[in-house]
């Protein structure tokens, strides 16, 4: 399980579940732009939850390194995505991996 939260400076934080119903120490993501929303999903079908952060300039995708950290962000900046207020993940085309 992953917990995420938006900080007051527009950054996002995450913490992994500790296995006892709580969460470990939170880590700051260091987003490139102000984080507006975030969600988790297995985007590369490796069994680990990855993070998708919606910022005020687009999306940041962070793949799970499977060691308690996430890879550097792959950014998708697009004027049509500015200031989105939500982001979600699902299998949109029925091929099992989440899109």
PDB file of N, CA and C in Angstrom:
ATOM      1  N   UNK A   1       0.834  -1.173   0.000  1.00  0.00           N
ATOM      2  CA  UNK A   1       0.000   0.000   0.000  1.00  0.00           C
ATOM      3  C   UNK A   1       0.879   1.236   0.000  1.00  0.00           C
ATOM      4  N   UNK A   2       0.435   2.244  -0.710  1.00  0.00           N
ATOM      5  CA  UNK A   2       1.156   3.514  -0.774  1.00  0.00           C
ATOM      6  C   UNK A   2       0.215   4.618  -0.313  1.00  0.00           C
ATOM      7  N   UNK A   3       0.740   5.495   0.506  1.00  0.00           N
ATOM      8  CA  UNK A   3       0.009   6.686   0.937  1.00  0.00           C
ATOM      9  C   UNK A   3       0.676   7.869   0.263  1.00  0.00           C
ATOM     10  N   UNK A   4      -0.075   8.791  -0.246  1.00  0.00           N
ATOM     11  CA  UNK A   4       0.512   9.997  -0.808  1.00  0.00           C
ATOM     12  C   UNK A   4      -0.248  11.202  -0.277  1.00  0.00           C
ATOM     13  N   UNK A   5       0.410  12.338  -0.280  1.00  0.00           N
ATOM     14  CA  UNK A   5      -0.217  13.573   0.178  1.00  0.00           C
ATOM     15  C   UNK A   5       0.396  14.737  -0.568  1.00  0.00           C
ATOM     16  N   UNK A   6      -0.360  15.776  -0.715  1.00  0.00           N
ATOM     17  CA  UNK A   6       0.137  16.987  -1.340  1.00  0.00           C
ATOM     18  C   UNK A   6       0.610  17.940  -0.258  1.00  0.00           C
ATOM     19  N   UNK A   7       1.792  18.496  -0.448  1.00  0.00           N
ATOM     20  CA  UNK A   7       2.359  19.416   0.529  1.00  0.00           C
ATOM     21  C   UNK A   7       1.896  20.843   0.301  1.00  0.00           C
ATOM     22  N   UNK A   8       2.183  21.704   1.243  1.00  0.00           N
ATOM     23  CA  UNK A   8       1.762  23.098   1.142  1.00  0.00           C
ATOM     24  C   UNK A   8       2.519  23.848   0.064  1.00  0.00           C
ATOM     25  N   UNK A   9       3.700  23.400  -0.307  1.00  0.00           N
ATOM     26  CA  UNK A   9       4.481  24.073  -1.343  1.00  0.00           C
ATOM     27  C   UNK A   9       4.197  23.491  -2.721  1.00  0.00           C
ATOM     28  N   UNK A  10       3.178  22.634  -2.852  1.00  0.00           N
ATOM     29  CA  UNK A  10       2.820  22.067  -4.134  1.00  0.00           C
ATOM     30  C   UNK A  10       3.553  20.785  -4.469  1.00  0.00           C
ATOM     31  N   UNK A  11       4.353  20.256  -3.551  1.00  0.00           N
ATOM     32  CA  UNK A  11       5.056  19.009  -3.802  1.00  0.00           C
ATOM     33  C   UNK A  11       4.216  17.843  -3.294  1.00  0.00           C
ATOM     34  N   UNK A  12       4.615  16.641  -3.655  1.00  0.00           N
ATOM     35  CA  UNK A  12       3.897  15.444  -3.229  1.00  0.00           C
ATOM     36  C   UNK A  12       4.814  14.594  -2.351  1.00  0.00           C
ATOM     37  N   UNK A  13       4.220  13.859  -1.439  1.00  0.00           N
ATOM     38  CA  UNK A  13       4.939  12.988  -0.523  1.00  0.00           C
ATOM     39  C   UNK A  13       4.319  11.599  -0.598  1.00  0.00           C
ATOM     40  N   UNK A  14       5.102  10.563  -0.320  1.00  0.00           N
ATOM     41  CA  UNK A  14       4.580   9.205  -0.312  1.00  0.00           C
ATOM     42  C   UNK A  14       5.176   8.435   0.851  1.00  0.00           C
ATOM     43  N   UNK A  15       4.484   7.373   1.260  1.00  0.00           N
ATOM     44  CA  UNK A  15       4.989   6.454   2.274  1.00  0.00           C
ATOM     45  C   UNK A  15       4.426   5.077   1.968  1.00  0.00           C
ATOM     46  N   UNK A  16       5.239   4.060   2.093  1.00  0.00           N
ATOM     47  CA  UNK A  16       4.803   2.687   1.881  1.00  0.00           C
ATOM     48  C   UNK A  16       4.190   2.144   3.166  1.00  0.00           C
ATOM     49  N   UNK A  17       3.266   1.198   3.016  1.00  0.00           N
ATOM     50  CA  UNK A  17       2.687   0.530   4.169  1.00  0.00           C
ATOM     51  C   UNK A  17       3.759  -0.222   4.941  1.00  0.00           C
ATOM     52  N   UNK A  18       3.610  -0.277   6.259  1.00  0.00           N
ATOM     53  CA  UNK A  18       4.612  -0.947   7.096  1.00  0.00           C
ATOM     54  C   UNK A  18       4.259  -2.405   7.397  1.00  0.00           C
ATOM     55  N   UNK A  19       3.130  -2.903   6.869  1.00  0.00           N
ATOM     56  CA  UNK A  19       2.728  -4.285   7.104  1.00  0.00           C
ATOM     57  C   UNK A  19       1.972  -4.491   8.404  1.00  0.00           C
ATOM     58  N   UNK A  20       1.839  -3.441   9.219  1.00  0.00           N
ATOM     59  CA  UNK A  20       1.143  -3.532  10.498  1.00  0.00           C
ATOM     60  C   UNK A  20      -0.060  -2.596  10.566  1.00  0.00           C
ATOM     61  N   UNK A  21      -0.551  -2.175   9.420  1.00  0.00           N
ATOM     62  CA  UNK A  21      -1.692  -1.276   9.394  1.00  0.00           C
ATOM     63  C   UNK A  21      -1.325   0.193   9.414  1.00  0.00           C
ATOM     64  N   UNK A  22      -0.055   0.502   9.396  1.00  0.00           N
ATOM     65  CA  UNK A  22       0.397   1.888   9.388  1.00  0.00           C
ATOM     66  C   UNK A  22       1.272   2.166   8.179  1.00  0.00           C
ATOM     67  N   UNK A  23       1.988   3.250   8.237  1.00  0.00           N
ATOM     68  CA  UNK A  23       2.857   3.653   7.143  1.00  0.00           C
ATOM     69  C   UNK A  23       4.245   3.965   7.667  1.00  0.00           C
ATOM     70  N   UNK A  24       5.223   3.788   6.799  1.00  0.00           N
ATOM     71  CA  UNK A  24       6.602   4.133   7.129  1.00  0.00           C
ATOM     72  C   UNK A  24       6.813   5.636   7.035  1.00  0.00           C
ATOM     73  N   UNK A  25       8.057   6.038   7.060  1.00  0.00           N
ATOM     74  CA  UNK A  25       8.427   7.451   6.981  1.00  0.00           C
ATOM     75  C   UNK A  25       8.090   7.981   5.591  1.00  0.00           C
ATOM     76  N   UNK A  26       7.506   9.169   5.517  1.00  0.00           N
ATOM     77  CA  UNK A  26       7.157   9.743   4.223  1.00  0.00           C
ATOM     78  C   UNK A  26       8.397  10.334   3.548  1.00  0.00           C
ATOM     79  N   UNK A  27       8.376  10.262   2.231  1.00  0.00           N
ATOM     80  CA  UNK A  27       9.462  10.790   1.404  1.00  0.00           C
ATOM     81  C   UNK A  27       8.888  11.829   0.457  1.00  0.00           C
ATOM     82  N   UNK A  28       9.669  12.867   0.177  1.00  0.00           N
ATOM     83  CA  UNK A  28       9.244  13.908  -0.748  1.00  0.00           C
ATOM     84  C   UNK A  28       9.613  13.507  -2.168  1.00  0.00           C
ATOM     85  N   UNK A  29       8.696  13.706  -3.116  1.00  0.00           N
ATOM     86  CA  UNK A  29       8.957  13.333  -4.506  1.00  0.00           C
ATOM     87  C   UNK A  29       9.845  14.333  -5.229  1.00  0.00           C
ATOM     88  N   UNK A  30       9.719  15.608  -4.947  1.00  0.00           N
ATOM     89  CA  UNK A  30      10.471  16.612  -5.688  1.00  0.00           C
ATOM     90  C   UNK A  30       9.896  16.823  -7.072  1.00  0.00           C
ATOM     91  N   UNK A  31       8.624  17.157  -7.137  1.00  0.00           N
ATOM     92  CA  UNK A  31       7.943  17.349  -8.418  1.00  0.00           C
ATOM     93  C   UNK A  31       8.501  18.568  -9.143  1.00  0.00           C
ATOM     94  N   UNK A  32       8.418  18.515 -10.466  1.00  0.00           N
ATOM     95  CA  UNK A  32       8.910  19.613 -11.307  1.00  0.00           C
ATOM     96  C   UNK A  32       7.981  20.814 -11.276  1.00  0.00           C
ATOM     97  N   UNK A  33       6.716  20.594 -10.972  1.00  0.00           N
ATOM     98  CA  UNK A  33       5.729  21.672 -10.931  1.00  0.00           C
ATOM     99  C   UNK A  33       4.791  21.391  -9.765  1.00  0.00           C
ATOM    100  N   UNK A  34       3.883  22.298  -9.496  1.00  0.00           N
ATOM    101  CA  UNK A  34       2.963  22.139  -8.381  1.00  0.00           C
ATOM    102  C   UNK A  34       2.078  20.909  -8.565  1.00  0.00           C
ATOM    103  N   UNK A  35       2.129  20.008  -7.609  1.00  0.00           N
ATOM    104  CA  UNK A  35       1.314  18.799  -7.657  1.00  0.00           C
ATOM    105  C   UNK A  35      -0.132  19.149  -7.339  1.00  0.00           C
ATOM    106  N   UNK A  36      -1.050  18.654  -8.172  1.00  0.00           N
ATOM    107  CA  UNK A  36      -2.468  18.913  -7.997  1.00  0.00           C
ATOM    108  C   UNK A  36      -3.207  17.666  -7.509  1.00  0.00           C
ATOM    109  N   UNK A  37      -2.767  16.497  -7.963  1.00  0.00           N
ATOM    110  CA  UNK A  37      -3.404  15.223  -7.606  1.00  0.00           C
ATOM    111  C   UNK A  37      -2.418  14.112  -7.914  1.00  0.00           C
ATOM    112  N   UNK A  38      -2.623  12.959  -7.306  1.00  0.00           N
ATOM    113  CA  UNK A  38      -1.748  11.815  -7.565  1.00  0.00           C
ATOM    114  C   UNK A  38      -2.532  10.525  -7.362  1.00  0.00           C
ATOM    115  N   UNK A  39      -2.061   9.470  -8.002  1.00  0.00           N
ATOM    116  CA  UNK A  39      -2.646   8.153  -7.826  1.00  0.00           C
ATOM    117  C   UNK A  39      -1.559   7.115  -8.061  1.00  0.00           C
ATOM    118  N   UNK A  40      -1.852   5.890  -7.717  1.00  0.00           N
ATOM    119  CA  UNK A  40      -0.901   4.795  -7.905  1.00  0.00           C
ATOM    120  C   UNK A  40      -1.537   3.718  -8.762  1.00  0.00           C
ATOM    121  N   UNK A  41      -0.733   3.082  -9.589  1.00  0.00           N
ATOM    122  CA  UNK A  41      -1.182   1.974 -10.419  1.00  0.00           C
ATOM    123  C   UNK A  41       0.030   1.283 -11.016  1.00  0.00           C
ATOM    124  N   UNK A  42      -0.120   0.041 -11.368  1.00  0.00           N
ATOM    125  CA  UNK A  42       0.982  -0.726 -11.959  1.00  0.00           C
ATOM    126  C   UNK A  42       1.015  -0.467 -13.464  1.00  0.00           C
ATOM    127  N   UNK A  43       1.741   0.557 -13.877  1.00  0.00           N
ATOM    128  CA  UNK A  43       1.739   0.979 -15.274  1.00  0.00           C
ATOM    129  C   UNK A  43       2.582   0.092 -16.182  1.00  0.00           C
ATOM    130  N   UNK A  44       3.596  -0.565 -15.651  1.00  0.00           N
ATOM    131  CA  UNK A  44       4.478  -1.391 -16.487  1.00  0.00           C
ATOM    132  C   UNK A  44       4.307  -2.885 -16.214  1.00  0.00           C
ATOM    133  N   UNK A  45       3.239  -3.263 -15.525  1.00  0.00           N
ATOM    134  CA  UNK A  45       2.866  -4.661 -15.300  1.00  0.00           C
ATOM    135  C   UNK A  45       3.974  -5.490 -14.636  1.00  0.00           C
ATOM    136  N   UNK A  46       4.679  -4.871 -13.667  1.00  0.00           N
ATOM    137  CA  UNK A  46       5.737  -5.593 -12.957  1.00  0.00           C
ATOM    138  C   UNK A  46       5.330  -5.981 -11.543  1.00  0.00           C
ATOM    139  N   UNK A  47       4.081  -5.732 -11.177  1.00  0.00           N
ATOM    140  CA  UNK A  47       3.583  -6.098  -9.854  1.00  0.00           C
ATOM    141  C   UNK A  47       3.819  -5.047  -8.788  1.00  0.00           C
ATOM    142  N   UNK A  48       4.432  -3.916  -9.133  1.00  0.00           N
ATOM    143  CA  UNK A  48       4.710  -2.848  -8.166  1.00  0.00           C
ATOM    144  C   UNK A  48       3.919  -1.604  -8.554  1.00  0.00           C
ATOM    145  N   UNK A  49       3.369  -0.909  -7.562  1.00  0.00           N
ATOM    146  CA  UNK A  49       2.600   0.297  -7.830  1.00  0.00           C
ATOM    147  C   UNK A  49       3.518   1.453  -8.211  1.00  0.00           C
ATOM    148  N   UNK A  50       3.223   2.077  -9.324  1.00  0.00           N
ATOM    149  CA  UNK A  50       3.931   3.254  -9.799  1.00  0.00           C
ATOM    150  C   UNK A  50       3.101   4.483  -9.455  1.00  0.00           C
ATOM    151  N   UNK A  51       3.704   5.663  -9.509  1.00  0.00           N
ATOM    152  CA  UNK A  51       2.994   6.893  -9.173  1.00  0.00           C
ATOM    153  C   UNK A  51       2.761   7.749 -10.407  1.00  0.00           C
ATOM    154  N   UNK A  52       1.572   8.328 -10.470  1.00  0.00           N
ATOM    155  CA  UNK A  52       1.217   9.282 -11.503  1.00  0.00           C
ATOM    156  C   UNK A  52       0.823  10.554 -10.771  1.00  0.00           C
ATOM    157  N   UNK A  53       1.533  11.638 -11.037  1.00  0.00           N
ATOM    158  CA  UNK A  53       1.263  12.912 -10.373  1.00  0.00           C
ATOM    159  C   UNK A  53       0.799  13.909 -11.420  1.00  0.00           C
ATOM    160  N   UNK A  54      -0.357  14.491 -11.196  1.00  0.00           N
ATOM    161  CA  UNK A  54      -0.882  15.530 -12.063  1.00  0.00           C
ATOM    162  C   UNK A  54      -0.399  16.863 -11.506  1.00  0.00           C
ATOM    163  N   UNK A  55       0.363  17.595 -12.298  1.00  0.00           N
ATOM    164  CA  UNK A  55       0.886  18.895 -11.862  1.00  0.00           C
ATOM    165  C   UNK A  55       0.184  20.004 -12.640  1.00  0.00           C
ATOM    166  N   UNK A  56       0.531  21.241 -12.325  1.00  0.00           N
ATOM    167  CA  UNK A  56      -0.099  22.346 -13.049  1.00  0.00           C
ATOM    168  C   UNK A  56       0.481  22.547 -14.445  1.00  0.00           C
ATOM    169  N   UNK A  57       1.395  21.670 -14.872  1.00  0.00           N
ATOM    170  CA  UNK A  57       1.913  21.744 -16.242  1.00  0.00           C
ATOM    171  C   UNK A  57       1.778  20.427 -16.997  1.00  0.00           C
ATOM    172  N   UNK A  58       1.223  19.397 -16.414  1.00  0.00           N
ATOM    173  CA  UNK A  58       1.067  18.119 -17.104  1.00  0.00           C
ATOM    174  C   UNK A  58       1.123  16.953 -16.136  1.00  0.00           C
ATOM    175  N   UNK A  59       1.637  15.825 -16.603  1.00  0.00           N
ATOM    176  CA  UNK A  59       1.736  14.616 -15.790  1.00  0.00           C
ATOM    177  C   UNK A  59       3.179  14.237 -15.542  1.00  0.00           C
ATOM    178  N   UNK A  60       3.443  13.658 -14.377  1.00  0.00           N
ATOM    179  CA  UNK A  60       4.737  13.053 -14.053  1.00  0.00           C
ATOM    180  C   UNK A  60       4.484  11.583 -13.751  1.00  0.00           C
ATOM    181  N   UNK A  61       5.194  10.705 -14.439  1.00  0.00           N
ATOM    182  CA  UNK A  61       5.105   9.269 -14.223  1.00  0.00           C
ATOM    183  C   UNK A  61       6.391   8.837 -13.523  1.00  0.00           C
ATOM    184  N   UNK A  62       6.243   8.140 -12.394  1.00  0.00           N
ATOM    185  CA  UNK A  62       7.400   7.651 -11.642  1.00  0.00           C
ATOM    186  C   UNK A  62       7.240   6.155 -11.430  1.00  0.00           C
ATOM    187  N   UNK A  63       8.082   5.375 -12.102  1.00  0.00           N
ATOM    188  CA  UNK A  63       8.029   3.926 -11.963  1.00  0.00           C
ATOM    189  C   UNK A  63       8.662   3.502 -10.651  1.00  0.00           C
ATOM    190  N   UNK A  64       8.094   2.481 -10.048  1.00  0.00           N
ATOM    191  CA  UNK A  64       8.552   1.958  -8.772  1.00  0.00           C
ATOM    192  C   UNK A  64       9.854   1.183  -8.985  1.00  0.00           C
ATOM    193  N   UNK A  65      10.889   1.519  -8.211  1.00  0.00           N
ATOM    194  CA  UNK A  65      12.175   0.814  -8.288  1.00  0.00           C
ATOM    195  C   UNK A  65      12.177  -0.497  -7.501  1.00  0.00           C
ATOM    196  N   UNK A  66      11.110  -0.773  -6.778  1.00  0.00           N
ATOM    197  CA  UNK A  66      10.962  -1.979  -5.951  1.00  0.00           C
ATOM    198  C   UNK A  66      11.978  -2.049  -4.808  1.00  0.00           C
ATOM    199  N   UNK A  67      12.479  -0.906  -4.384  1.00  0.00           N
ATOM    200  CA  UNK A  67      13.407  -0.863  -3.259  1.00  0.00           C
ATOM    201  C   UNK A  67      13.038   0.259  -2.283  1.00  0.00           C
ATOM    202  N   UNK A  68      11.780   0.701  -2.347  1.00  0.00           N
ATOM    203  CA  UNK A  68      11.329   1.789  -1.482  1.00  0.00           C
ATOM    204  C   UNK A  68      11.494   3.162  -2.096  1.00  0.00           C
ATOM    205  N   UNK A  69      11.899   3.214  -3.361  1.00  0.00           N
ATOM    206  CA  UNK A  69      12.061   4.488  -4.048  1.00  0.00           C
ATOM    207  C   UNK A  69      11.373   4.425  -5.412  1.00  0.00           C
ATOM    208  N   UNK A  70      11.286   5.569  -6.039  1.00  0.00           N
ATOM    209  CA  UNK A  70      10.722   5.676  -7.377  1.00  0.00           C
ATOM    210  C   UNK A  70      11.755   6.284  -8.317  1.00  0.00           C
ATOM    211  N   UNK A  71      11.673   5.919  -9.585  1.00  0.00           N
ATOM    212  CA  UNK A  71      12.582   6.459 -10.593  1.00  0.00           C
ATOM    213  C   UNK A  71      12.309   7.947 -10.801  1.00  0.00           C
ATOM    214  N   UNK A  72      13.242   8.621 -11.417  1.00  0.00           N
ATOM    215  CA  UNK A  72      13.036  10.022 -11.782  1.00  0.00           C
ATOM    216  C   UNK A  72      11.806  10.138 -12.664  1.00  0.00           C
ATOM    217  N   UNK A  73      11.197  11.286 -12.637  1.00  0.00           N
ATOM    218  CA  UNK A  73       9.940  11.497 -13.352  1.00  0.00           C
ATOM    219  C   UNK A  73      10.141  11.535 -14.858  1.00  0.00           C
ATOM    220  N   UNK A  74       9.229  10.879 -15.561  1.00  0.00           N
ATOM    221  CA  UNK A  74       9.053  11.105 -16.990  1.00  0.00           C
ATOM    222  C   UNK A  74       7.920  12.095 -17.095  1.00  0.00           C
ATOM    223  N   UNK A  75       8.180  13.218 -17.741  1.00  0.00           N
ATOM    224  CA  UNK A  75       7.197  14.292 -17.781  1.00  0.00           C
ATOM    225  C   UNK A  75       6.447  14.299 -19.102  1.00  0.00           C
ATOM    226  N   UNK A  76       5.167  14.560 -19.010  1.00  0.00           N
ATOM    227  CA  UNK A  76       4.313  14.737 -20.173  1.00  0.00           C
ATOM    228  C   UNK A  76       3.647  16.093 -20.016  1.00  0.00           C
ATOM    229  N   UNK A  77       4.283  17.108 -20.560  1.00  0.00           N
ATOM    230  CA  UNK A  77       3.752  18.469 -20.460  1.00  0.00           C
ATOM    231  C   UNK A  77       2.944  18.769 -21.709  1.00  0.00           C
ATOM    232  N   UNK A  78       1.722  19.168 -21.502  1.00  0.00           N
ATOM    233  CA  UNK A  78       0.803  19.406 -22.605  1.00  0.00           C
ATOM    234  C   UNK A  78      -0.155  20.500 -22.171  1.00  0.00           C
ATOM    235  N   UNK A  79      -0.325  21.490 -23.009  1.00  0.00           N
ATOM    236  CA  UNK A  79      -1.204  22.599 -22.640  1.00  0.00           C
ATOM    237  C   UNK A  79      -2.637  22.162 -22.373  1.00  0.00           C
ATOM    238  N   UNK A  80      -3.067  21.029 -22.929  1.00  0.00           N
ATOM    239  CA  UNK A  80      -4.436  20.567 -22.691  1.00  0.00           C
ATOM    240  C   UNK A  80      -4.603  19.954 -21.309  1.00  0.00           C
ATOM    241  N   UNK A  81      -3.481  19.680 -20.597  1.00  0.00           N
ATOM    242  CA  UNK A  81      -3.560  19.057 -19.275  1.00  0.00           C
ATOM    243  C   UNK A  81      -3.306  20.045 -18.149  1.00  0.00           C
ATOM    244  N   UNK A  82      -3.122  21.318 -18.440  1.00  0.00           N
ATOM    245  CA  UNK A  82      -2.828  22.287 -17.395  1.00  0.00           C
ATOM    246  C   UNK A  82      -3.922  22.322 -16.337  1.00  0.00           C
ATOM    247  N   UNK A  83      -3.506  22.363 -15.113  1.00  0.00           N
ATOM    248  CA  UNK A  83      -4.381  22.542 -13.950  1.00  0.00           C
ATOM    249  C   UNK A  83      -5.464  21.477 -13.831  1.00  0.00           C
ATOM    250  N   UNK A  84      -5.144  20.254 -14.155  1.00  0.00           N
ATOM    251  CA  UNK A  84      -6.070  19.146 -13.920  1.00  0.00           C
ATOM    252  C   UNK A  84      -6.251  18.953 -12.429  1.00  0.00           C
ATOM    253  N   UNK A  85      -7.403  18.483 -12.036  1.00  0.00           N
ATOM    254  CA  UNK A  85      -7.687  18.347 -10.608  1.00  0.00           C
ATOM    255  C   UNK A  85      -7.823  16.909 -10.148  1.00  0.00           C
ATOM    256  N   UNK A  86      -7.646  15.959 -11.057  1.00  0.00           N
ATOM    257  CA  UNK A  86      -7.742  14.559 -10.666  1.00  0.00           C
ATOM    258  C   UNK A  86      -6.975  13.726 -11.682  1.00  0.00           C
ATOM    259  N   UNK A  87      -6.603  12.553 -11.276  1.00  0.00           N
ATOM    260  CA  UNK A  87      -5.936  11.604 -12.164  1.00  0.00           C
ATOM    261  C   UNK A  87      -6.321  10.209 -11.691  1.00  0.00           C
ATOM    262  N   UNK A  88      -6.542   9.308 -12.624  1.00  0.00           N
ATOM    263  CA  UNK A  88      -6.931   7.947 -12.277  1.00  0.00           C
ATOM    264  C   UNK A  88      -6.261   6.970 -13.231  1.00  0.00           C
ATOM    265  N   UNK A  89      -6.243   5.712 -12.850  1.00  0.00           N
ATOM    266  CA  UNK A  89      -5.606   4.666 -13.638  1.00  0.00           C
ATOM    267  C   UNK A  89      -6.602   3.530 -13.799  1.00  0.00           C
ATOM    268  N   UNK A  90      -6.603   2.911 -14.962  1.00  0.00           N
ATOM    269  CA  UNK A  90      -7.465   1.756 -15.197  1.00  0.00           C
ATOM    270  C   UNK A  90      -7.060   1.069 -16.487  1.00  0.00           C
ATOM    271  N   UNK A  91      -7.578  -0.112 -16.713  1.00  0.00           N
ATOM    272  CA  UNK A  91      -7.325  -0.863 -17.946  1.00  0.00           C
ATOM    273  C   UNK A  91      -8.343  -0.400 -18.985  1.00  0.00           C
ATOM    274  N   UNK A  92      -7.980   0.581 -19.781  1.00  0.00           N
ATOM    275  CA  UNK A  92      -8.905   1.198 -20.699  1.00  0.00           C
ATOM    276  C   UNK A  92      -9.159   0.393 -21.972  1.00  0.00           C
ATOM    277  N   UNK A  93      -8.197  -0.445 -22.354  1.00  0.00           N
ATOM    278  CA  UNK A  93      -8.340  -1.186 -23.608  1.00  0.00           C
ATOM    279  C   UNK A  93      -8.486  -2.685 -23.419  1.00  0.00           C
ATOM    280  N   UNK A  94      -8.660  -3.159 -22.192  1.00  0.00           N
ATOM    281  CA  UNK A  94      -8.944  -4.568 -21.928  1.00  0.00           C
ATOM    282  C   UNK A  94      -7.784  -5.527 -22.107  1.00  0.00           C
ATOM    283  N   UNK A  95      -6.555  -5.026 -22.075  1.00  0.00           N
ATOM    284  CA  UNK A  95      -5.390  -5.907 -22.274  1.00  0.00           C
ATOM    285  C   UNK A  95      -4.685  -6.241 -20.978  1.00  0.00           C
ATOM    286  N   UNK A  96      -5.280  -6.002 -19.842  1.00  0.00           N
ATOM    287  CA  UNK A  96      -4.830  -6.280 -18.474  1.00  0.00           C
ATOM    288  C   UNK A  96      -3.919  -5.192 -17.911  1.00  0.00           C
ATOM    289  N   UNK A  97      -2.788  -4.780 -18.534  1.00  0.00           N
ATOM    290  CA  UNK A  97      -2.018  -3.697 -17.896  1.00  0.00           C
ATOM    291  C   UNK A  97      -2.849  -2.425 -17.794  1.00  0.00           C
ATOM    292  N   UNK A  98      -2.620  -1.694 -16.720  1.00  0.00           N
ATOM    293  CA  UNK A  98      -3.327  -0.431 -16.531  1.00  0.00           C
ATOM    294  C   UNK A  98      -2.746   0.634 -17.459  1.00  0.00           C
ATOM    295  N   UNK A  99      -3.606   1.495 -17.958  1.00  0.00           N
ATOM    296  CA  UNK A  99      -3.201   2.572 -18.863  1.00  0.00           C
ATOM    297  C   UNK A  99      -3.228   3.885 -18.117  1.00  0.00           C
TER     298      UNK A  99
END
